[in-house]
PDB file of N, CA and C in Angstrom:
ATOM      1  N   MET A   1     -20.616  28.058  20.678  1.00  0.00           N
ATOM      2  CA  MET A   1     -19.415  27.513  21.309  1.00  0.00           C
ATOM      3  C   MET A   1     -19.280  28.224  22.565  1.00  0.00           C
ATOM      4  N   ASN A   2     -19.580  29.410  21.917  1.00  0.00           N
ATOM      5  CA  ASN A   2     -19.456  30.440  23.161  1.00  0.00           C
ATOM      6  C   ASN A   2     -20.545  30.521  24.467  1.00  0.00           C
ATOM      7  N   ARG A   3     -21.539  30.269  23.817  1.00  0.00           N
ATOM      8  CA  ARG A   3     -22.858  29.965  24.691  1.00  0.00           C
ATOM      9  C   ARG A   3     -22.753  28.943  25.735  1.00  0.00           C
ATOM     10  N   HIS A   4     -21.570  27.885  25.461  1.00  0.00           N
ATOM     11  CA  HIS A   4     -21.619  26.479  26.194  1.00  0.00           C
ATOM     12  C   HIS A   4     -20.014  27.095  27.146  1.00  0.00           C
ATOM     13  N   GLY A   5     -20.151  28.360  27.018  1.00  0.00           N
ATOM     14  CA  GLY A   5     -18.531  28.383  27.570  1.00  0.00           C
ATOM     15  C   GLY A   5     -17.141  27.843  27.101  1.00  0.00           C
ATOM     16  N   PHE A   6     -17.353  27.704  25.960  1.00  0.00           N
ATOM     17  CA  PHE A   6     -15.851  27.687  25.289  1.00  0.00           C
ATOM     18  C   PHE A   6     -15.302  28.667  25.174  1.00  0.00           C
ATOM     19  N   GLU A   7     -14.014  28.941  25.024  1.00  0.00           N
ATOM     20  CA  GLU A   7     -12.904  29.996  24.161  1.00  0.00           C
ATOM     21  C   GLU A   7     -13.251  29.960  23.007  1.00  0.00           C
ATOM     22  N   THR A   8     -13.591  30.476  22.139  1.00  0.00           N
ATOM     23  CA  THR A   8     -13.126  30.146  20.571  1.00  0.00           C
ATOM     24  C   THR A   8     -12.660  31.553  20.071  1.00  0.00           C
ATOM     25  N   GLU A   9     -12.224  32.801  20.520  1.00  0.00           N
ATOM     26  CA  GLU A   9     -11.829  33.904  20.191  1.00  0.00           C
ATOM     27  C   GLU A   9     -10.587  33.594  19.451  1.00  0.00           C
ATOM     28  N   ASN A  10      -9.391  32.960  20.528  1.00  0.00           N
ATOM     29  CA  ASN A  10      -8.049  32.801  20.010  1.00  0.00           C
ATOM     30  C   ASN A  10      -7.835  31.439  19.635  1.00  0.00           C
ATOM     31  N   ALA A  11      -8.946  30.364  19.402  1.00  0.00           N
ATOM     32  CA  ALA A  11      -8.591  29.050  18.861  1.00  0.00           C
ATOM     33  C   ALA A  11      -7.922  28.906  17.549  1.00  0.00           C
ATOM     34  N   GLN A  12      -7.452  28.190  17.670  1.00  0.00           N
ATOM     35  CA  GLN A  12      -6.974  28.120  16.102  1.00  0.00           C
ATOM     36  C   GLN A  12      -7.720  26.969  14.952  1.00  0.00           C
ATOM     37  N   PRO A  13      -7.711  27.097  14.072  1.00  0.00           N
ATOM     38  CA  PRO A  13      -8.945  26.137  13.359  1.00  0.00           C
ATOM     39  C   PRO A  13      -7.843  24.786  13.169  1.00  0.00           C
ATOM     40  N   PRO A  14      -8.261  23.240  13.719  1.00  0.00           N
ATOM     41  CA  PRO A  14      -7.573  22.326  13.179  1.00  0.00           C
ATOM     42  C   PRO A  14      -6.792  22.289  11.590  1.00  0.00           C
ATOM     43  N   TYR A  15      -5.661  21.786  11.470  1.00  0.00           N
ATOM     44  CA  TYR A  15      -5.256  21.741  10.362  1.00  0.00           C
ATOM     45  C   TYR A  15      -4.581  20.639   9.865  1.00  0.00           C
ATOM     46  N   PHE A  16      -4.131  20.202   8.682  1.00  0.00           N
ATOM     47  CA  PHE A  16      -3.577  19.022   8.367  1.00  0.00           C
ATOM     48  C   PHE A  16      -2.127  19.390   7.728  1.00  0.00           C
ATOM     49  N   VAL A  17      -1.010  18.659   8.401  1.00  0.00           N
ATOM     50  CA  VAL A  17       0.125  19.118   7.605  1.00  0.00           C
ATOM     51  C   VAL A  17       0.706  17.886   6.955  1.00  0.00           C
ATOM     52  N   SER A  18       0.974  17.900   5.808  1.00  0.00           N
ATOM     53  CA  SER A  18       1.116  16.463   4.839  1.00  0.00           C
ATOM     54  C   SER A  18       2.352  15.341   5.582  1.00  0.00           C
ATOM     55  N   THR A  19       2.117  14.403   5.235  1.00  0.00           N
ATOM     56  CA  THR A  19       3.169  13.524   5.809  1.00  0.00           C
ATOM     57  C   THR A  19       4.678  13.617   4.540  1.00  0.00           C
ATOM     58  N   PHE A  20       4.258  14.151   3.257  1.00  0.00           N
ATOM     59  CA  PHE A  20       4.920  14.362   2.508  1.00  0.00           C
ATOM     60  C   PHE A  20       5.789  15.702   2.429  1.00  0.00           C
ATOM     61  N   HIS A  21       7.235  15.572   1.649  1.00  0.00           N
ATOM     62  CA  HIS A  21       7.575  17.006   1.685  1.00  0.00           C
ATOM     63  C   HIS A  21       7.351  17.680   0.803  1.00  0.00           C
ATOM     64  N   ASP A  22       7.446  18.993   0.312  1.00  0.00           N
ATOM     65  CA  ASP A  22       6.729  19.874  -0.791  1.00  0.00           C
ATOM     66  C   ASP A  22       6.900  19.574  -2.446  1.00  0.00           C
ATOM     67  N   TYR A  23       8.248  18.761  -2.101  1.00  0.00           N
ATOM     68  CA  TYR A  23       8.821  18.506  -3.764  1.00  0.00           C
ATOM     69  C   TYR A  23       7.523  17.358  -4.374  1.00  0.00           C
ATOM     70  N   VAL A  24       7.179  16.043  -3.520  1.00  0.00           N
ATOM     71  CA  VAL A  24       6.181  15.599  -3.757  1.00  0.00           C
ATOM     72  C   VAL A  24       5.062  16.247  -3.930  1.00  0.00           C
ATOM     73  N   LEU A  25       4.606  16.778  -3.249  1.00  0.00           N
ATOM     74  CA  LEU A  25       3.441  17.532  -3.463  1.00  0.00           C
ATOM     75  C   LEU A  25       3.153  18.518  -4.499  1.00  0.00           C
ATOM     76  N   GLN A  26       4.275  18.909  -4.795  1.00  0.00           N
ATOM     77  CA  GLN A  26       4.064  19.914  -6.076  1.00  0.00           C
ATOM     78  C   GLN A  26       4.446  19.209  -7.706  1.00  0.00           C
ATOM     79  N   SER A  27       4.254  17.929  -7.671  1.00  0.00           N
ATOM     80  CA  SER A  27       4.462  16.847  -8.782  1.00  0.00           C
ATOM     81  C   SER A  27       2.873  17.147  -9.079  1.00  0.00           C
ATOM     82  N   GLU A  28       3.178  17.315 -10.563  1.00  0.00           N
ATOM     83  CA  GLU A  28       1.587  17.171 -11.109  1.00  0.00           C
ATOM     84  C   GLU A  28       1.454  16.234 -12.456  1.00  0.00           C
ATOM     85  N   LEU A  29       0.041  16.061 -12.278  1.00  0.00           N
ATOM     86  CA  LEU A  29       0.041  14.873 -13.711  1.00  0.00           C
ATOM     87  C   LEU A  29       0.458  15.717 -14.644  1.00  0.00           C
ATOM     88  N   PRO A  30       0.620  14.987 -15.867  1.00  0.00           N
ATOM     89  CA  PRO A  30       0.808  15.393 -17.164  1.00  0.00           C
ATOM     90  C   PRO A  30      -0.213  16.059 -17.858  1.00  0.00           C
ATOM     91  N   ARG A  31      -0.579  16.707 -18.705  1.00  0.00           N
ATOM     92  CA  ARG A  31      -1.651  17.405 -18.861  1.00  0.00           C
ATOM     93  C   ARG A  31      -2.616  16.172 -20.075  1.00  0.00           C
ATOM     94  N   GLY A  32      -4.024  16.295 -19.475  1.00  0.00           N
ATOM     95  CA  GLY A  32      -5.041  15.126 -19.973  1.00  0.00           C
ATOM     96  C   GLY A  32      -5.038  14.295 -18.939  1.00  0.00           C
ATOM     97  N   TYR A  33      -4.383  13.808 -18.290  1.00  0.00           N
ATOM     98  CA  TYR A  33      -4.334  12.771 -17.286  1.00  0.00           C
ATOM     99  C   TYR A  33      -5.115  12.879 -16.227  1.00  0.00           C
ATOM    100  N   LYS A  34      -6.176  12.220 -15.927  1.00  0.00           N
ATOM    101  CA  LYS A  34      -7.095  12.499 -15.084  1.00  0.00           C
ATOM    102  C   LYS A  34      -6.738  11.354 -13.276  1.00  0.00           C
ATOM    103  N   VAL A  35      -6.868  11.913 -12.592  1.00  0.00           N
ATOM    104  CA  VAL A  35      -6.760  10.835 -10.829  1.00  0.00           C
ATOM    105  C   VAL A  35      -7.634   9.774 -11.245  1.00  0.00           C
ATOM    106  N   LEU A  36      -6.966   8.478 -11.016  1.00  0.00           N
ATOM    107  CA  LEU A  36      -8.083   7.380 -10.952  1.00  0.00           C
ATOM    108  C   LEU A  36      -8.797   7.654  -9.242  1.00  0.00           C
ATOM    109  N   LYS A  37      -9.745   6.539  -9.560  1.00  0.00           N
ATOM    110  CA  LYS A  37     -10.297   6.329  -8.081  1.00  0.00           C
ATOM    111  C   LYS A  37      -9.539   4.941  -7.899  1.00  0.00           C
ATOM    112  N   PHE A  38      -8.727   4.766  -6.853  1.00  0.00           N
ATOM    113  CA  PHE A  38      -8.415   3.536  -6.293  1.00  0.00           C
ATOM    114  C   PHE A  38      -8.949   2.898  -5.527  1.00  0.00           C
ATOM    115  N   SER A  39      -8.915   1.387  -5.530  1.00  0.00           N
ATOM    116  CA  SER A  39      -9.292   0.351  -4.390  1.00  0.00           C
ATOM    117  C   SER A  39      -9.021   0.970  -3.402  1.00  0.00           C
ATOM    118  N   LYS A  40      -9.705   0.748  -2.429  1.00  0.00           N
ATOM    119  CA  LYS A  40      -9.893   1.053  -1.189  1.00  0.00           C
ATOM    120  C   LYS A  40      -9.471   0.289   0.090  1.00  0.00           C
ATOM    121  N   PHE A  41      -8.547   0.780   0.810  1.00  0.00           N
ATOM    122  CA  PHE A  41      -7.936  -0.329   1.846  1.00  0.00           C
ATOM    123  C   PHE A  41      -8.134   0.336   3.196  1.00  0.00           C
ATOM    124  N   THR A  42      -8.691  -0.229   4.249  1.00  0.00           N
ATOM    125  CA  THR A  42      -9.049   0.075   5.620  1.00  0.00           C
ATOM    126  C   THR A  42      -8.303  -0.161   6.644  1.00  0.00           C
ATOM    127  N   GLY A  43      -7.328  -1.049   6.633  1.00  0.00           N
ATOM    128  CA  GLY A  43      -6.772  -1.311   7.526  1.00  0.00           C
ATOM    129  C   GLY A  43      -7.116  -2.539   8.199  1.00  0.00           C
ATOM    130  N   GLU A  44      -8.395  -3.055   8.049  1.00  0.00           N
ATOM    131  CA  GLU A  44      -8.988  -4.049   8.968  1.00  0.00           C
ATOM    132  C   GLU A  44      -8.098  -5.430   8.854  1.00  0.00           C
ATOM    133  N   LEU A  45      -7.629  -6.045   9.996  1.00  0.00           N
ATOM    134  CA  LEU A  45      -6.757  -7.113  10.234  1.00  0.00           C
ATOM    135  C   LEU A  45      -6.980  -8.320   9.069  1.00  0.00           C
ATOM    136  N   LYS A  46      -8.360  -8.591   8.336  1.00  0.00           N
ATOM    137  CA  LYS A  46      -8.576  -9.279   7.301  1.00  0.00           C
ATOM    138  C   LYS A  46      -7.504  -9.086   5.873  1.00  0.00           C
ATOM    139  N   GLU A  47      -7.557  -7.681   6.020  1.00  0.00           N
ATOM    140  CA  GLU A  47      -6.845  -7.305   4.517  1.00  0.00           C
ATOM    141  C   GLU A  47      -5.479  -7.324   4.700  1.00  0.00           C
ATOM    142  N   SER A  48      -4.932  -7.702   3.435  1.00  0.00           N
ATOM    143  CA  SER A  48      -3.542  -8.054   3.070  1.00  0.00           C
ATOM    144  C   SER A  48      -3.074  -6.669   2.473  1.00  0.00           C
ATOM    145  N   THR A  49      -2.035  -5.963   3.532  1.00  0.00           N
ATOM    146  CA  THR A  49      -1.248  -5.035   3.013  1.00  0.00           C
ATOM    147  C   THR A  49      -0.522  -5.043   1.407  1.00  0.00           C
ATOM    148  N   ILE A  50       0.221  -6.006   1.650  1.00  0.00           N
ATOM    149  CA  ILE A  50       0.685  -6.460   0.129  1.00  0.00           C
ATOM    150  C   ILE A  50      -0.084  -6.456  -1.068  1.00  0.00           C
ATOM    151  N   ARG A  51      -1.470  -7.498  -0.486  1.00  0.00           N
ATOM    152  CA  ARG A  51      -2.183  -7.414  -1.557  1.00  0.00           C
ATOM    153  C   ARG A  51      -2.376  -5.446  -2.101  1.00  0.00           C
ATOM    154  N   HIS A  52      -2.732  -4.745  -1.488  1.00  0.00           N
ATOM    155  CA  HIS A  52      -3.274  -3.499  -1.154  1.00  0.00           C
ATOM    156  C   HIS A  52      -2.371  -3.004  -2.267  1.00  0.00           C
ATOM    157  N   VAL A  53      -1.147  -3.004  -2.276  1.00  0.00           N
ATOM    158  CA  VAL A  53      -0.318  -2.180  -2.614  1.00  0.00           C
ATOM    159  C   VAL A  53       0.063  -2.695  -3.940  1.00  0.00           C
ATOM    160  N   ALA A  54      -0.094  -4.102  -4.319  1.00  0.00           N
ATOM    161  CA  ALA A  54      -0.266  -4.765  -5.613  1.00  0.00           C
ATOM    162  C   ALA A  54      -1.648  -4.079  -6.595  1.00  0.00           C
ATOM    163  N   TYR A  55      -2.853  -4.393  -5.797  1.00  0.00           N
ATOM    164  CA  TYR A  55      -3.568  -3.818  -6.463  1.00  0.00           C
ATOM    165  C   TYR A  55      -3.210  -2.202  -7.207  1.00  0.00           C
ATOM    166  N   PHE A  56      -2.955  -1.538  -5.916  1.00  0.00           N
ATOM    167  CA  PHE A  56      -2.174   0.145  -6.175  1.00  0.00           C
ATOM    168  C   PHE A  56      -1.430   0.021  -7.539  1.00  0.00           C
ATOM    169  N   GLN A  57      -0.687  -0.742  -7.451  1.00  0.00           N
ATOM    170  CA  GLN A  57       0.286  -0.679  -8.788  1.00  0.00           C
ATOM    171  C   GLN A  57      -0.155  -0.791 -10.100  1.00  0.00           C
ATOM    172  N   ILE A  58      -0.891  -1.985 -10.152  1.00  0.00           N
ATOM    173  CA  ILE A  58      -1.808  -2.244 -11.003  1.00  0.00           C
ATOM    174  C   ILE A  58      -2.854  -1.265 -11.497  1.00  0.00           C
ATOM    175  N   GLU A  59      -3.594  -0.395 -11.004  1.00  0.00           N
ATOM    176  CA  GLU A  59      -4.616   0.347 -11.090  1.00  0.00           C
ATOM    177  C   GLU A  59      -3.716   1.522 -11.568  1.00  0.00           C
ATOM    178  N   TYR A  60      -2.823   2.139 -10.592  1.00  0.00           N
ATOM    179  CA  TYR A  60      -1.827   3.428 -11.068  1.00  0.00           C
ATOM    180  C   TYR A  60      -0.984   3.253 -12.409  1.00  0.00           C
ATOM    181  N   GLY A  61      -0.764   1.845 -12.946  1.00  0.00           N
ATOM    182  CA  GLY A  61      -0.057   1.610 -13.988  1.00  0.00           C
ATOM    183  C   GLY A  61      -0.396   1.910 -15.411  1.00  0.00           C
ATOM    184  N   TYR A  62      -1.527   2.789 -15.576  1.00  0.00           N
ATOM    185  CA  TYR A  62      -1.781   3.734 -16.765  1.00  0.00           C
ATOM    186  C   TYR A  62      -1.320   5.046 -16.650  1.00  0.00           C
ATOM    187  N   LEU A  63      -1.017   5.599 -15.299  1.00  0.00           N
ATOM    188  CA  LEU A  63      -0.281   6.772 -15.102  1.00  0.00           C
ATOM    189  C   LEU A  63       1.085   7.133 -15.480  1.00  0.00           C
ATOM    190  N   PRO A  64       1.740   7.777 -15.659  1.00  0.00           N
ATOM    191  CA  PRO A  64       3.510   8.045 -16.161  1.00  0.00           C
ATOM    192  C   PRO A  64       3.972   7.330 -14.728  1.00  0.00           C
ATOM    193  N   ILE A  65       5.143   7.087 -15.204  1.00  0.00           N
ATOM    194  CA  ILE A  65       5.934   6.355 -14.144  1.00  0.00           C
ATOM    195  C   ILE A  65       6.657   7.391 -13.183  1.00  0.00           C
ATOM    196  N   ASP A  66       6.422   8.007 -12.288  1.00  0.00           N
ATOM    197  CA  ASP A  66       6.700   9.012 -11.391  1.00  0.00           C
ATOM    198  C   ASP A  66       6.812   8.693 -10.031  1.00  0.00           C
ATOM    199  N   GLU A  67       7.424   8.333  -9.421  1.00  0.00           N
ATOM    200  CA  GLU A  67       7.501   7.884  -7.799  1.00  0.00           C
ATOM    201  C   GLU A  67       6.893   8.633  -7.180  1.00  0.00           C
ATOM    202  N   PHE A  68       7.196  10.077  -7.217  1.00  0.00           N
ATOM    203  CA  PHE A  68       6.288  11.348  -6.270  1.00  0.00           C
ATOM    204  C   PHE A  68       5.159  11.489  -6.539  1.00  0.00           C
ATOM    205  N   LEU A  69       4.639  10.811  -7.990  1.00  0.00           N
ATOM    206  CA  LEU A  69       3.078  11.174  -8.442  1.00  0.00           C
ATOM    207  C   LEU A  69       2.252   9.794  -7.690  1.00  0.00           C
ATOM    208  N   LYS A  70       3.246   8.381  -7.716  1.00  0.00           N
ATOM    209  CA  LYS A  70       2.615   7.289  -7.162  1.00  0.00           C
ATOM    210  C   LYS A  70       2.301   7.835  -5.295  1.00  0.00           C
ATOM    211  N   MET A  71       3.607   8.431  -4.599  1.00  0.00           N
ATOM    212  CA  MET A  71       3.146   8.875  -3.376  1.00  0.00           C
ATOM    213  C   MET A  71       2.281   9.839  -3.080  1.00  0.00           C
ATOM    214  N   LYS A  72       2.071  10.674  -3.780  1.00  0.00           N
ATOM    215  CA  LYS A  72       1.110  11.687  -3.653  1.00  0.00           C
ATOM    216  C   LYS A  72      -0.444  11.172  -3.921  1.00  0.00           C
ATOM    217  N   TYR A  73      -0.393  10.475  -4.665  1.00  0.00           N
ATOM    218  CA  TYR A  73      -1.691   9.674  -4.735  1.00  0.00           C
ATOM    219  C   TYR A  73      -2.096   8.742  -3.964  1.00  0.00           C
ATOM    220  N   PHE A  74      -1.063   7.637  -3.325  1.00  0.00           N
ATOM    221  CA  PHE A  74      -1.658   6.603  -2.704  1.00  0.00           C
ATOM    222  C   PHE A  74      -2.240   7.115  -1.543  1.00  0.00           C
ATOM    223  N   PRO A  75      -2.244   7.842  -0.903  1.00  0.00           N
ATOM    224  CA  PRO A  75      -3.439   8.336   0.330  1.00  0.00           C
ATOM    225  C   PRO A  75      -4.974   8.248  -0.167  1.00  0.00           C
ATOM    226  N   SER A  76      -4.954   8.503  -1.256  1.00  0.00           N
ATOM    227  CA  SER A  76      -6.796   8.627  -1.973  1.00  0.00           C
ATOM    228  C   SER A  76      -6.944   6.980  -2.150  1.00  0.00           C
ATOM    229  N   SER A  77      -5.772   5.702  -1.800  1.00  0.00           N
ATOM    230  CA  SER A  77      -6.497   4.545  -1.828  1.00  0.00           C
ATOM    231  C   SER A  77      -6.671   4.393  -0.225  1.00  0.00           C
ATOM    232  N   LEU A  78      -6.535   4.961   0.602  1.00  0.00           N
ATOM    233  CA  LEU A  78      -6.832   4.544   1.889  1.00  0.00           C
ATOM    234  C   LEU A  78      -8.072   5.035   2.589  1.00  0.00           C
ATOM    235  N   THR A  79      -8.679   4.481   3.734  1.00  0.00           N
ATOM    236  CA  THR A  79     -10.258   4.824   3.997  1.00  0.00           C
ATOM    237  C   THR A  79      -9.946   4.178   5.413  1.00  0.00           C
ATOM    238  N   ARG A  80     -11.004   4.685   6.250  1.00  0.00           N
ATOM    239  CA  ARG A  80     -10.868   4.740   7.768  1.00  0.00           C
ATOM    240  C   ARG A  80      -9.642   4.409   8.639  1.00  0.00           C
ATOM    241  N   LYS A  81      -9.690   3.186   9.099  1.00  0.00           N
ATOM    242  CA  LYS A  81      -8.515   3.160   9.727  1.00  0.00           C
ATOM    243  C   LYS A  81      -7.089   3.422   9.282  1.00  0.00           C
ATOM    244  N   ALA A  82      -6.885   3.032   8.347  1.00  0.00           N
ATOM    245  CA  ALA A  82      -5.859   3.388   7.528  1.00  0.00           C
ATOM    246  C   ALA A  82      -5.622   4.634   7.422  1.00  0.00           C
ATOM    247  N   PHE A  83      -6.705   5.658   6.611  1.00  0.00           N
ATOM    248  CA  PHE A  83      -6.835   6.820   6.316  1.00  0.00           C
ATOM    249  C   PHE A  83      -6.158   7.530   8.109  1.00  0.00           C
ATOM    250  N   THR A  84      -7.015   7.246   9.049  1.00  0.00           N
ATOM    251  CA  THR A  84      -6.345   7.871   9.990  1.00  0.00           C
ATOM    252  C   THR A  84      -4.965   7.112  10.551  1.00  0.00           C
ATOM    253  N   TRP A  85      -4.314   6.106  10.110  1.00  0.00           N
ATOM    254  CA  TRP A  85      -3.289   6.317  10.778  1.00  0.00           C
ATOM    255  C   TRP A  85      -1.916   6.970   9.875  1.00  0.00           C
ATOM    256  N   PHE A  86      -2.826   7.283   8.593  1.00  0.00           N
ATOM    257  CA  PHE A  86      -1.719   8.233   7.502  1.00  0.00           C
ATOM    258  C   PHE A  86      -1.604   9.794   7.965  1.00  0.00           C
ATOM    259  N   THR A  87      -2.811   9.873   8.518  1.00  0.00           N
ATOM    260  CA  THR A  87      -3.187  11.388   8.861  1.00  0.00           C
ATOM    261  C   THR A  87      -2.639  11.699  10.143  1.00  0.00           C
ATOM    262  N   THR A  88      -1.608  10.392  10.894  1.00  0.00           N
ATOM    263  CA  THR A  88      -1.118  10.539  12.413  1.00  0.00           C
ATOM    264  C   THR A  88       0.328  10.713  12.186  1.00  0.00           C
ATOM    265  N   LEU A  89       0.721  10.439  10.920  1.00  0.00           N
ATOM    266  CA  LEU A  89       2.004  10.029  10.367  1.00  0.00           C
ATOM    267  C   LEU A  89       3.088  12.026  10.817  1.00  0.00           C
ATOM    268  N   PRO A  90       4.378  11.629  11.479  1.00  0.00           N
ATOM    269  CA  PRO A  90       4.887  13.099  11.388  1.00  0.00           C
ATOM    270  C   PRO A  90       4.589  13.899  10.380  1.00  0.00           C
ATOM    271  N   PRO A  91       4.445  15.396  10.256  1.00  0.00           N
ATOM    272  CA  PRO A  91       4.645  16.010   9.197  1.00  0.00           C
ATOM    273  C   PRO A  91       6.096  15.689   8.226  1.00  0.00           C
ATOM    274  N   ASN A  92       6.224  15.708   7.177  1.00  0.00           N
ATOM    275  CA  ASN A  92       7.320  15.605   5.927  1.00  0.00           C
ATOM    276  C   ASN A  92       8.063  14.400   6.289  1.00  0.00           C
ATOM    277  N   SER A  93       7.358  13.429   6.838  1.00  0.00           N
ATOM    278  CA  SER A  93       8.125  12.477   7.772  1.00  0.00           C
ATOM    279  C   SER A  93       8.172  11.224   6.104  1.00  0.00           C
ATOM    280  N   ILE A  94       7.682  11.473   4.862  1.00  0.00           N
ATOM    281  CA  ILE A  94       7.860  10.437   3.932  1.00  0.00           C
ATOM    282  C   ILE A  94       8.503  11.278   2.801  1.00  0.00           C
ATOM    283  N   TYR A  95       9.530  10.782   2.455  1.00  0.00           N
ATOM    284  CA  TYR A  95      10.300  11.961   1.311  1.00  0.00           C
ATOM    285  C   TYR A  95      10.940  10.504   0.345  1.00  0.00           C
ATOM    286  N   THR A  96      10.580   9.023   0.215  1.00  0.00           N
ATOM    287  CA  THR A  96      10.540   8.117  -0.560  1.00  0.00           C
ATOM    288  C   THR A  96       9.628   7.098  -0.751  1.00  0.00           C
TER     289      THR A  96
END
């Protein structure tokens, strides 16, 4: 980048600040459990958000009932536009 005239010496690397509060991020799966691969939601107009959340609840079903874990792993079910939208939410804005 320096060769092309961009100043990189004081540049900060891009970083992501979670939309969840720390207590959500600190929740852990019980020993022996693995994170599932959830159905993906892209955020396209033809997709139903209600249907996706229902699928997520069903797929999540075998995991221990813990709202913080549901919150923590819900972004794993998002892709494309939906994931981009999620990553642009204000830091620490989701707590329930």
